[in-house]
Each structure stands twice: as structure tokens, then as C-alpha cells.
N, C-alpha and C. Protein backbone atom coordinates (compact mmCIF):
# COMPACT_ATOMS: atom_id res chain seq x y z
N MET A 1 24.04 20.34 -5.95
CA MET A 1 23.93 19.55 -4.74
C MET A 1 22.47 19.38 -4.33
N LYS A 2 21.71 20.46 -4.46
CA LYS A 2 20.26 20.42 -4.08
C LYS A 2 19.51 19.41 -4.92
N THR A 3 19.79 19.37 -6.25
CA THR A 3 19.11 18.41 -7.15
C THR A 3 19.44 17.00 -6.72
N ILE A 4 20.69 16.75 -6.40
CA ILE A 4 21.10 15.39 -6.00
C ILE A 4 20.34 14.97 -4.71
N LYS A 5 20.27 15.88 -3.75
CA LYS A 5 19.60 15.53 -2.50
C LYS A 5 18.10 15.32 -2.69
N ILE A 6 17.48 16.17 -3.50
CA ILE A 6 16.04 16.00 -3.79
C ILE A 6 15.78 14.64 -4.43
N HIS A 7 16.59 14.29 -5.41
CA HIS A 7 16.37 13.01 -6.09
C HIS A 7 16.75 11.81 -5.22
N LEU A 8 17.72 11.97 -4.35
CA LEU A 8 18.02 10.88 -3.40
C LEU A 8 16.84 10.67 -2.44
N ILE A 9 16.28 11.73 -1.95
CA ILE A 9 15.09 11.62 -1.07
C ILE A 9 13.94 10.93 -1.85
N GLY A 10 13.78 11.32 -3.12
CA GLY A 10 12.75 10.70 -3.93
C GLY A 10 12.99 9.22 -4.10
N PHE A 11 14.23 8.85 -4.44
CA PHE A 11 14.54 7.41 -4.64
C PHE A 11 14.38 6.64 -3.38
N MET A 12 14.88 7.18 -2.25
CA MET A 12 14.77 6.50 -0.97
C MET A 12 13.29 6.33 -0.59
N SER A 13 12.48 7.36 -0.85
CA SER A 13 11.05 7.30 -0.54
C SER A 13 10.37 6.21 -1.37
N LEU A 14 10.67 6.16 -2.66
CA LEU A 14 10.07 5.12 -3.52
C LEU A 14 10.50 3.73 -3.08
N LEU A 15 11.75 3.60 -2.67
CA LEU A 15 12.25 2.32 -2.22
C LEU A 15 11.52 1.87 -0.95
N ILE A 16 11.33 2.77 -0.03
CA ILE A 16 10.62 2.46 1.19
C ILE A 16 9.16 2.12 0.90
N ILE A 17 8.52 2.95 0.08
CA ILE A 17 7.12 2.70 -0.26
C ILE A 17 6.94 1.34 -0.93
N SER A 18 7.85 1.02 -1.87
CA SER A 18 7.70 -0.26 -2.55
C SER A 18 7.93 -1.41 -1.58
N GLY A 19 8.71 -1.19 -0.56
CA GLY A 19 8.93 -2.22 0.44
C GLY A 19 7.77 -2.40 1.40
N VAL A 20 7.26 -1.29 1.92
CA VAL A 20 6.21 -1.42 2.93
C VAL A 20 4.91 -1.95 2.35
N THR A 21 4.77 -1.96 1.05
CA THR A 21 3.58 -2.59 0.46
C THR A 21 3.58 -4.11 0.67
N ALA A 22 4.74 -4.64 1.14
CA ALA A 22 4.78 -6.07 1.42
C ALA A 22 4.13 -6.40 2.75
N PHE A 23 3.97 -5.42 3.65
CA PHE A 23 3.32 -5.69 4.93
C PHE A 23 1.86 -6.12 4.78
N PRO A 24 1.03 -5.38 4.05
CA PRO A 24 -0.40 -5.75 3.99
C PRO A 24 -0.78 -6.65 2.80
N VAL A 25 -0.01 -7.70 2.57
CA VAL A 25 -0.27 -8.58 1.42
C VAL A 25 -1.69 -9.08 1.38
N GLN A 26 -2.21 -9.52 2.52
CA GLN A 26 -3.58 -10.07 2.52
C GLN A 26 -4.60 -8.99 2.21
N THR A 27 -4.45 -7.82 2.78
CA THR A 27 -5.38 -6.71 2.49
C THR A 27 -5.31 -6.33 1.02
N GLU A 28 -4.12 -6.29 0.47
CA GLU A 28 -3.97 -5.91 -0.93
C GLU A 28 -4.62 -6.93 -1.87
N ILE A 29 -4.44 -8.20 -1.61
CA ILE A 29 -4.99 -9.20 -2.50
C ILE A 29 -6.52 -9.24 -2.31
N ASN A 30 -7.01 -8.96 -1.13
CA ASN A 30 -8.46 -8.88 -0.95
C ASN A 30 -9.06 -7.74 -1.78
N TYR A 31 -8.36 -6.61 -1.79
CA TYR A 31 -8.81 -5.47 -2.58
C TYR A 31 -8.80 -5.79 -4.07
N LEU A 32 -7.73 -6.38 -4.54
CA LEU A 32 -7.62 -6.74 -5.95
C LEU A 32 -8.74 -7.75 -6.31
N PHE A 33 -8.96 -8.73 -5.44
CA PHE A 33 -9.98 -9.72 -5.70
C PHE A 33 -11.38 -9.12 -5.79
N GLU A 34 -11.66 -8.18 -4.89
CA GLU A 34 -12.96 -7.50 -4.89
C GLU A 34 -13.16 -6.61 -6.13
N ASN A 35 -12.06 -6.15 -6.73
CA ASN A 35 -12.13 -5.23 -7.86
C ASN A 35 -11.50 -5.82 -9.14
N LYS A 36 -11.47 -7.14 -9.21
CA LYS A 36 -10.79 -7.78 -10.34
C LYS A 36 -11.48 -7.57 -11.69
N SER A 37 -12.71 -7.16 -11.68
CA SER A 37 -13.42 -6.99 -12.96
C SER A 37 -12.82 -5.86 -13.82
N VAL A 38 -12.02 -4.99 -13.25
CA VAL A 38 -11.43 -3.92 -14.04
C VAL A 38 -10.16 -4.38 -14.79
N PHE A 39 -9.76 -5.61 -14.55
CA PHE A 39 -8.54 -6.13 -15.18
C PHE A 39 -8.86 -7.05 -16.38
N PRO A 40 -7.89 -7.22 -17.29
CA PRO A 40 -8.10 -8.20 -18.35
C PRO A 40 -8.14 -9.62 -17.79
N GLN A 41 -8.70 -10.54 -18.57
CA GLN A 41 -8.93 -11.91 -18.08
C GLN A 41 -7.65 -12.60 -17.59
N PHE A 42 -6.53 -12.42 -18.31
CA PHE A 42 -5.31 -13.13 -17.87
C PHE A 42 -4.87 -12.66 -16.49
N MET A 43 -5.15 -11.39 -16.16
CA MET A 43 -4.79 -10.88 -14.82
C MET A 43 -5.82 -11.34 -13.80
N ILE A 44 -7.07 -11.47 -14.20
CA ILE A 44 -8.10 -11.96 -13.30
C ILE A 44 -7.77 -13.36 -12.84
N ASP A 45 -7.32 -14.21 -13.78
CA ASP A 45 -6.93 -15.57 -13.45
C ASP A 45 -5.78 -15.59 -12.41
N TRP A 46 -4.82 -14.69 -12.62
CA TRP A 46 -3.65 -14.57 -11.71
C TRP A 46 -4.13 -14.07 -10.34
N ILE A 47 -4.99 -13.10 -10.28
CA ILE A 47 -5.54 -12.58 -9.04
C ILE A 47 -6.27 -13.67 -8.29
N ASP A 48 -7.10 -14.44 -9.01
CA ASP A 48 -7.82 -15.53 -8.41
C ASP A 48 -6.85 -16.55 -7.78
N GLU A 49 -5.83 -16.88 -8.54
CA GLU A 49 -4.84 -17.85 -8.02
C GLU A 49 -4.15 -17.31 -6.79
N LEU A 50 -3.71 -16.08 -6.83
CA LEU A 50 -3.02 -15.47 -5.70
C LEU A 50 -3.96 -15.42 -4.48
N TYR A 51 -5.20 -15.04 -4.71
CA TYR A 51 -6.18 -14.95 -3.62
C TYR A 51 -6.28 -16.31 -2.91
N THR A 52 -6.45 -17.36 -3.68
CA THR A 52 -6.57 -18.68 -3.13
C THR A 52 -5.33 -19.09 -2.35
N ILE A 53 -4.17 -18.88 -2.94
CA ILE A 53 -2.91 -19.28 -2.33
C ILE A 53 -2.67 -18.50 -1.03
N ILE A 54 -2.88 -17.19 -1.12
CA ILE A 54 -2.63 -16.35 0.09
C ILE A 54 -3.57 -16.73 1.21
N HIS A 55 -4.78 -17.06 0.93
CA HIS A 55 -5.75 -17.41 1.97
C HIS A 55 -5.54 -18.86 2.46
N GLN A 56 -4.74 -19.62 1.78
CA GLN A 56 -4.42 -20.99 2.25
C GLN A 56 -3.06 -20.99 2.99
N THR A 57 -2.37 -19.84 2.96
CA THR A 57 -1.03 -19.75 3.57
C THR A 57 -1.15 -19.41 5.04
N PRO A 58 -0.46 -20.14 5.89
CA PRO A 58 -0.51 -19.81 7.35
C PRO A 58 0.13 -18.43 7.56
N ASP A 59 -0.46 -17.70 8.52
CA ASP A 59 0.00 -16.32 8.79
C ASP A 59 1.51 -16.26 9.10
N ILE A 60 2.03 -17.28 9.72
CA ILE A 60 3.45 -17.27 10.07
C ILE A 60 4.36 -17.09 8.85
N MET A 61 3.89 -17.55 7.66
CA MET A 61 4.69 -17.43 6.46
C MET A 61 4.82 -15.98 5.99
N PHE A 62 3.88 -15.15 6.40
CA PHE A 62 3.94 -13.72 5.99
C PHE A 62 5.03 -12.95 6.73
N TYR A 63 5.60 -13.59 7.70
CA TYR A 63 6.76 -13.00 8.41
C TYR A 63 7.90 -12.76 7.41
N GLY A 64 7.96 -13.58 6.39
CA GLY A 64 8.97 -13.42 5.35
C GLY A 64 8.75 -12.11 4.57
N THR A 65 7.50 -11.79 4.31
CA THR A 65 7.24 -10.51 3.59
C THR A 65 7.48 -9.31 4.51
N ASP A 66 7.33 -9.53 5.82
CA ASP A 66 7.65 -8.47 6.76
C ASP A 66 9.16 -8.16 6.70
N TRP A 67 9.97 -9.21 6.58
CA TRP A 67 11.41 -9.01 6.45
C TRP A 67 11.74 -8.36 5.10
N LEU A 68 11.01 -8.71 4.08
CA LEU A 68 11.22 -8.11 2.75
C LEU A 68 10.99 -6.59 2.87
N ALA A 69 9.90 -6.21 3.52
CA ALA A 69 9.63 -4.79 3.72
C ALA A 69 10.72 -4.09 4.53
N PHE A 70 11.12 -4.76 5.60
CA PHE A 70 12.19 -4.22 6.43
C PHE A 70 13.49 -4.07 5.65
N ALA A 71 13.79 -5.01 4.77
CA ALA A 71 15.01 -4.91 3.94
C ALA A 71 14.99 -3.69 3.05
N HIS A 72 13.85 -3.37 2.49
CA HIS A 72 13.74 -2.16 1.68
C HIS A 72 14.07 -0.91 2.49
N ILE A 73 13.58 -0.86 3.70
CA ILE A 73 13.86 0.28 4.56
C ILE A 73 15.36 0.36 4.85
N ILE A 74 15.96 -0.76 5.19
CA ILE A 74 17.39 -0.81 5.46
C ILE A 74 18.22 -0.42 4.25
N ILE A 75 17.86 -0.92 3.08
CA ILE A 75 18.59 -0.56 1.86
C ILE A 75 18.51 0.95 1.64
N ALA A 76 17.38 1.54 1.90
CA ALA A 76 17.24 3.02 1.73
C ALA A 76 18.24 3.74 2.64
N LEU A 77 18.51 3.18 3.80
CA LEU A 77 19.47 3.85 4.73
C LEU A 77 20.88 3.95 4.15
N PHE A 78 21.21 3.06 3.22
CA PHE A 78 22.54 3.09 2.62
C PHE A 78 22.75 4.28 1.70
N PHE A 79 21.68 5.04 1.43
CA PHE A 79 21.79 6.25 0.65
C PHE A 79 22.02 7.49 1.53
N ILE A 80 21.93 7.35 2.81
CA ILE A 80 22.17 8.50 3.71
C ILE A 80 23.62 9.02 3.54
N PRO A 81 24.63 8.14 3.50
CA PRO A 81 25.97 8.66 3.27
C PRO A 81 26.12 9.43 1.95
N VAL A 82 25.41 8.99 0.91
CA VAL A 82 25.44 9.69 -0.37
C VAL A 82 24.78 11.06 -0.20
N PHE A 83 23.73 11.10 0.58
CA PHE A 83 23.04 12.37 0.85
C PHE A 83 24.00 13.35 1.55
N ILE A 84 24.79 12.83 2.49
CA ILE A 84 25.69 13.66 3.28
C ILE A 84 26.87 14.11 2.43
N ASP A 85 27.50 13.19 1.68
CA ASP A 85 28.68 13.51 0.84
C ASP A 85 28.60 12.70 -0.44
N PRO A 86 27.88 13.22 -1.47
CA PRO A 86 27.66 12.46 -2.69
C PRO A 86 28.97 12.03 -3.39
N VAL A 87 29.93 12.89 -3.45
CA VAL A 87 31.15 12.54 -4.17
C VAL A 87 31.92 11.43 -3.46
N LYS A 88 32.03 11.53 -2.18
CA LYS A 88 32.76 10.51 -1.39
C LYS A 88 32.06 9.15 -1.45
N HIS A 89 30.73 9.14 -1.49
CA HIS A 89 29.98 7.87 -1.40
C HIS A 89 29.26 7.50 -2.67
N LYS A 90 29.72 7.97 -3.81
CA LYS A 90 29.03 7.64 -5.05
C LYS A 90 29.10 6.15 -5.41
N ALA A 91 30.03 5.41 -4.75
CA ALA A 91 30.09 3.98 -4.99
C ALA A 91 28.79 3.29 -4.55
N ASN A 92 28.09 3.87 -3.55
CA ASN A 92 26.81 3.33 -3.14
C ASN A 92 25.82 3.35 -4.31
N ILE A 93 25.89 4.39 -5.11
CA ILE A 93 25.02 4.55 -6.28
C ILE A 93 25.37 3.45 -7.33
N ILE A 94 26.65 3.22 -7.52
CA ILE A 94 27.10 2.19 -8.47
C ILE A 94 26.58 0.82 -8.02
N VAL A 95 26.72 0.52 -6.75
CA VAL A 95 26.25 -0.77 -6.22
C VAL A 95 24.74 -0.88 -6.40
N ALA A 96 24.02 0.19 -6.18
CA ALA A 96 22.56 0.19 -6.35
C ALA A 96 22.19 -0.04 -7.80
N MET A 97 22.93 0.56 -8.74
CA MET A 97 22.64 0.33 -10.18
C MET A 97 22.90 -1.11 -10.53
N VAL A 98 23.94 -1.72 -10.00
CA VAL A 98 24.18 -3.15 -10.22
C VAL A 98 23.03 -3.98 -9.67
N ALA A 99 22.58 -3.61 -8.48
CA ALA A 99 21.41 -4.33 -7.88
C ALA A 99 20.19 -4.22 -8.77
N CYS A 100 19.97 -3.07 -9.40
CA CYS A 100 18.86 -2.89 -10.29
C CYS A 100 19.02 -3.80 -11.54
N LEU A 101 20.22 -3.91 -12.01
CA LEU A 101 20.45 -4.82 -13.17
C LEU A 101 20.19 -6.27 -12.80
N LEU A 102 20.56 -6.63 -11.57
CA LEU A 102 20.38 -8.00 -11.16
C LEU A 102 18.91 -8.44 -10.95
N ILE A 103 18.01 -7.44 -10.98
CA ILE A 103 16.59 -7.77 -10.91
C ILE A 103 16.20 -8.62 -12.13
N PHE A 104 16.81 -8.30 -13.29
CA PHE A 104 16.44 -9.00 -14.51
C PHE A 104 16.70 -10.51 -14.47
N PRO A 105 17.94 -10.93 -14.16
CA PRO A 105 18.13 -12.39 -14.10
C PRO A 105 17.32 -13.03 -12.97
N LEU A 106 17.12 -12.33 -11.83
CA LEU A 106 16.29 -12.90 -10.79
C LEU A 106 14.87 -13.14 -11.28
N ALA A 107 14.28 -12.14 -11.91
CA ALA A 107 12.92 -12.25 -12.41
C ALA A 107 12.80 -13.34 -13.47
N PHE A 108 13.74 -13.36 -14.41
CA PHE A 108 13.61 -14.29 -15.53
C PHE A 108 14.08 -15.70 -15.22
N ILE A 109 14.83 -15.89 -14.11
CA ILE A 109 15.22 -17.22 -13.71
C ILE A 109 14.24 -17.79 -12.68
N CYS A 110 14.04 -17.00 -11.59
CA CYS A 110 13.21 -17.49 -10.49
C CYS A 110 11.72 -17.37 -10.85
N GLY A 111 11.36 -16.41 -11.67
CA GLY A 111 9.95 -16.26 -12.02
C GLY A 111 9.32 -17.53 -12.60
N PRO A 112 9.92 -18.08 -13.64
CA PRO A 112 9.38 -19.33 -14.19
C PRO A 112 9.41 -20.50 -13.22
N ILE A 113 10.48 -20.55 -12.40
CA ILE A 113 10.58 -21.65 -11.44
C ILE A 113 9.47 -21.56 -10.42
N ARG A 114 9.07 -20.32 -10.03
CA ARG A 114 8.01 -20.14 -9.02
C ARG A 114 6.62 -20.02 -9.66
N GLY A 115 6.55 -20.15 -10.98
CA GLY A 115 5.27 -20.08 -11.67
C GLY A 115 4.71 -18.67 -11.78
N ILE A 116 5.59 -17.67 -11.81
CA ILE A 116 5.16 -16.25 -11.96
C ILE A 116 4.86 -15.99 -13.44
N PRO A 117 3.71 -15.49 -13.77
CA PRO A 117 3.41 -15.19 -15.18
C PRO A 117 4.39 -14.17 -15.77
N PHE A 118 4.63 -14.30 -17.05
CA PHE A 118 5.60 -13.46 -17.75
C PHE A 118 5.27 -11.94 -17.59
N PHE A 119 3.96 -11.61 -17.65
CA PHE A 119 3.62 -10.20 -17.52
C PHE A 119 4.05 -9.66 -16.16
N HIS A 120 3.98 -10.50 -15.10
CA HIS A 120 4.39 -10.06 -13.78
C HIS A 120 5.89 -9.98 -13.68
N GLN A 121 6.61 -10.84 -14.38
CA GLN A 121 8.06 -10.76 -14.43
C GLN A 121 8.47 -9.43 -15.05
N LEU A 122 7.76 -8.99 -16.06
CA LEU A 122 8.05 -7.70 -16.69
C LEU A 122 7.76 -6.54 -15.75
N ILE A 123 6.72 -6.66 -14.94
CA ILE A 123 6.44 -5.64 -13.93
C ILE A 123 7.60 -5.56 -12.94
N ASP A 124 8.06 -6.71 -12.51
CA ASP A 124 9.23 -6.74 -11.58
C ASP A 124 10.44 -6.11 -12.23
N CYS A 125 10.67 -6.39 -13.49
CA CYS A 125 11.83 -5.84 -14.22
C CYS A 125 11.68 -4.32 -14.37
N SER A 126 10.46 -3.82 -14.43
CA SER A 126 10.27 -2.38 -14.56
C SER A 126 10.88 -1.62 -13.36
N PHE A 127 10.82 -2.29 -12.18
CA PHE A 127 11.47 -1.65 -11.00
C PHE A 127 12.98 -1.47 -11.23
N GLY A 128 13.59 -2.49 -11.81
CA GLY A 128 15.03 -2.40 -12.09
C GLY A 128 15.32 -1.34 -13.12
N LEU A 129 14.49 -1.30 -14.17
CA LEU A 129 14.71 -0.31 -15.25
C LEU A 129 14.52 1.08 -14.75
N ILE A 130 13.44 1.36 -14.03
CA ILE A 130 13.18 2.71 -13.51
C ILE A 130 14.26 3.04 -12.48
N GLY A 131 14.58 2.09 -11.64
CA GLY A 131 15.62 2.34 -10.62
C GLY A 131 16.96 2.70 -11.20
N ILE A 132 17.40 1.96 -12.20
CA ILE A 132 18.72 2.27 -12.77
C ILE A 132 18.71 3.60 -13.50
N ALA A 133 17.59 3.91 -14.14
CA ALA A 133 17.51 5.23 -14.83
C ALA A 133 17.57 6.37 -13.83
N TYR A 134 16.84 6.21 -12.76
CA TYR A 134 16.82 7.24 -11.68
C TYR A 134 18.23 7.36 -11.06
N LEU A 135 18.83 6.22 -10.74
CA LEU A 135 20.15 6.24 -10.12
C LEU A 135 21.20 6.79 -11.05
N TYR A 136 21.10 6.47 -12.35
CA TYR A 136 22.05 6.99 -13.33
C TYR A 136 21.96 8.51 -13.41
N PHE A 137 20.76 9.01 -13.35
CA PHE A 137 20.53 10.46 -13.33
C PHE A 137 21.27 11.07 -12.12
N ILE A 138 21.11 10.48 -10.96
CA ILE A 138 21.79 10.93 -9.76
C ILE A 138 23.31 10.84 -9.91
N TYR A 139 23.74 9.70 -10.44
CA TYR A 139 25.21 9.49 -10.64
C TYR A 139 25.81 10.53 -11.56
N THR A 140 25.16 10.85 -12.64
CA THR A 140 25.68 11.90 -13.56
C THR A 140 25.74 13.25 -12.86
N ARG A 141 24.79 13.55 -12.00
CA ARG A 141 24.80 14.80 -11.28
C ARG A 141 25.96 14.84 -10.26
N ILE A 142 26.22 13.72 -9.65
CA ILE A 142 27.35 13.64 -8.71
C ILE A 142 28.66 13.86 -9.48
N ASN A 143 28.78 13.23 -10.67
CA ASN A 143 30.00 13.41 -11.46
C ASN A 143 30.18 14.88 -11.89
N ARG A 144 29.08 15.58 -12.22
CA ARG A 144 29.17 16.98 -12.53
C ARG A 144 29.63 17.79 -11.33
N LEU A 145 29.09 17.44 -10.19
CA LEU A 145 29.51 18.09 -8.95
C LEU A 145 30.99 17.84 -8.67
N ASN A 146 31.43 16.64 -8.95
CA ASN A 146 32.83 16.25 -8.73
C ASN A 146 33.76 17.05 -9.65
N THR A 147 33.36 17.30 -10.90
CA THR A 147 34.23 18.05 -11.82
C THR A 147 34.31 19.52 -11.48
N ARG A 148 33.29 20.04 -10.78
CA ARG A 148 33.31 21.46 -10.39
C ARG A 148 34.22 21.68 -9.20
N SER A 149 34.46 20.65 -8.40
CA SER A 149 35.26 20.79 -7.19
C SER A 149 36.73 20.99 -7.49
């Protein structure tokens, strides 16, 4: 039970951290732009494009990324029932694993439509891959706990 709770806290923390990085989009792109020389050329081109687009975007549009960050926090809350009673609420883990799988079609369908470079689509997919692996680890621990009961 302790292992499950520790890993749930870890997963929830990573989910929240990955979400709240959406709040300071302008600050983050400014930092990348100022330090772009450490990246390969194809990424420098992408950073330049993002810098230009973000600085041409009215501030009101960043309200959408605020909601994205907020959504990550809310999604993390859905793991509290699993923390309290993992066996009873393991369906939340299954739903989360499905959500991780759905990152792939989202990235590979919407990415090209929105002009997202392939390397960045792969970065987005890595969140799904890491997430499902982490969640599967938790799920197997819950099943072990369930067989002991």
C-alpha cells in the first residue's frame, strides 16, 4: 500500500508540474530564445518561430493556457480516491492509462494540422508513454494488493 501511495503522489506531482508550466509560456519562450544556441539548428528554427508567434499573440489568448494548467491540477485530483482506496478506485487508473494512449492520435493528427514539428510531436507522445508505464506499474501493485485481500 505504501508503494502505491508514494507512486500516486509522484504521478500526481508530475501531472501538476507539467500543467503549471503552461502558466509562464512567455517567460519560458523568452528563456529558450535567449539560450537557443545550445540547441541544434532545427530546434533553433522552431524556437524562433514560437518566439515570434507568442510575442504577436494578444495576452488574452494565454487565458487558454491558464485553463490548460488548471485542467492538469483538476485531473490530478481524480487520483485522490485511488490514494484513499486503491482497490475500490482502480478504474481511475484504467481511465488514466486510456488517456495516455489517446495522446498519440492527438499528437499525430492535430500536430500536423497545427504545424507542430514531428520532433515535438514525439516529445508530446513521450508524456503518454511515460504516463502509461508509470500508471501500469501502479495498476499492477493495486492488483497485487487486491489478491492479498
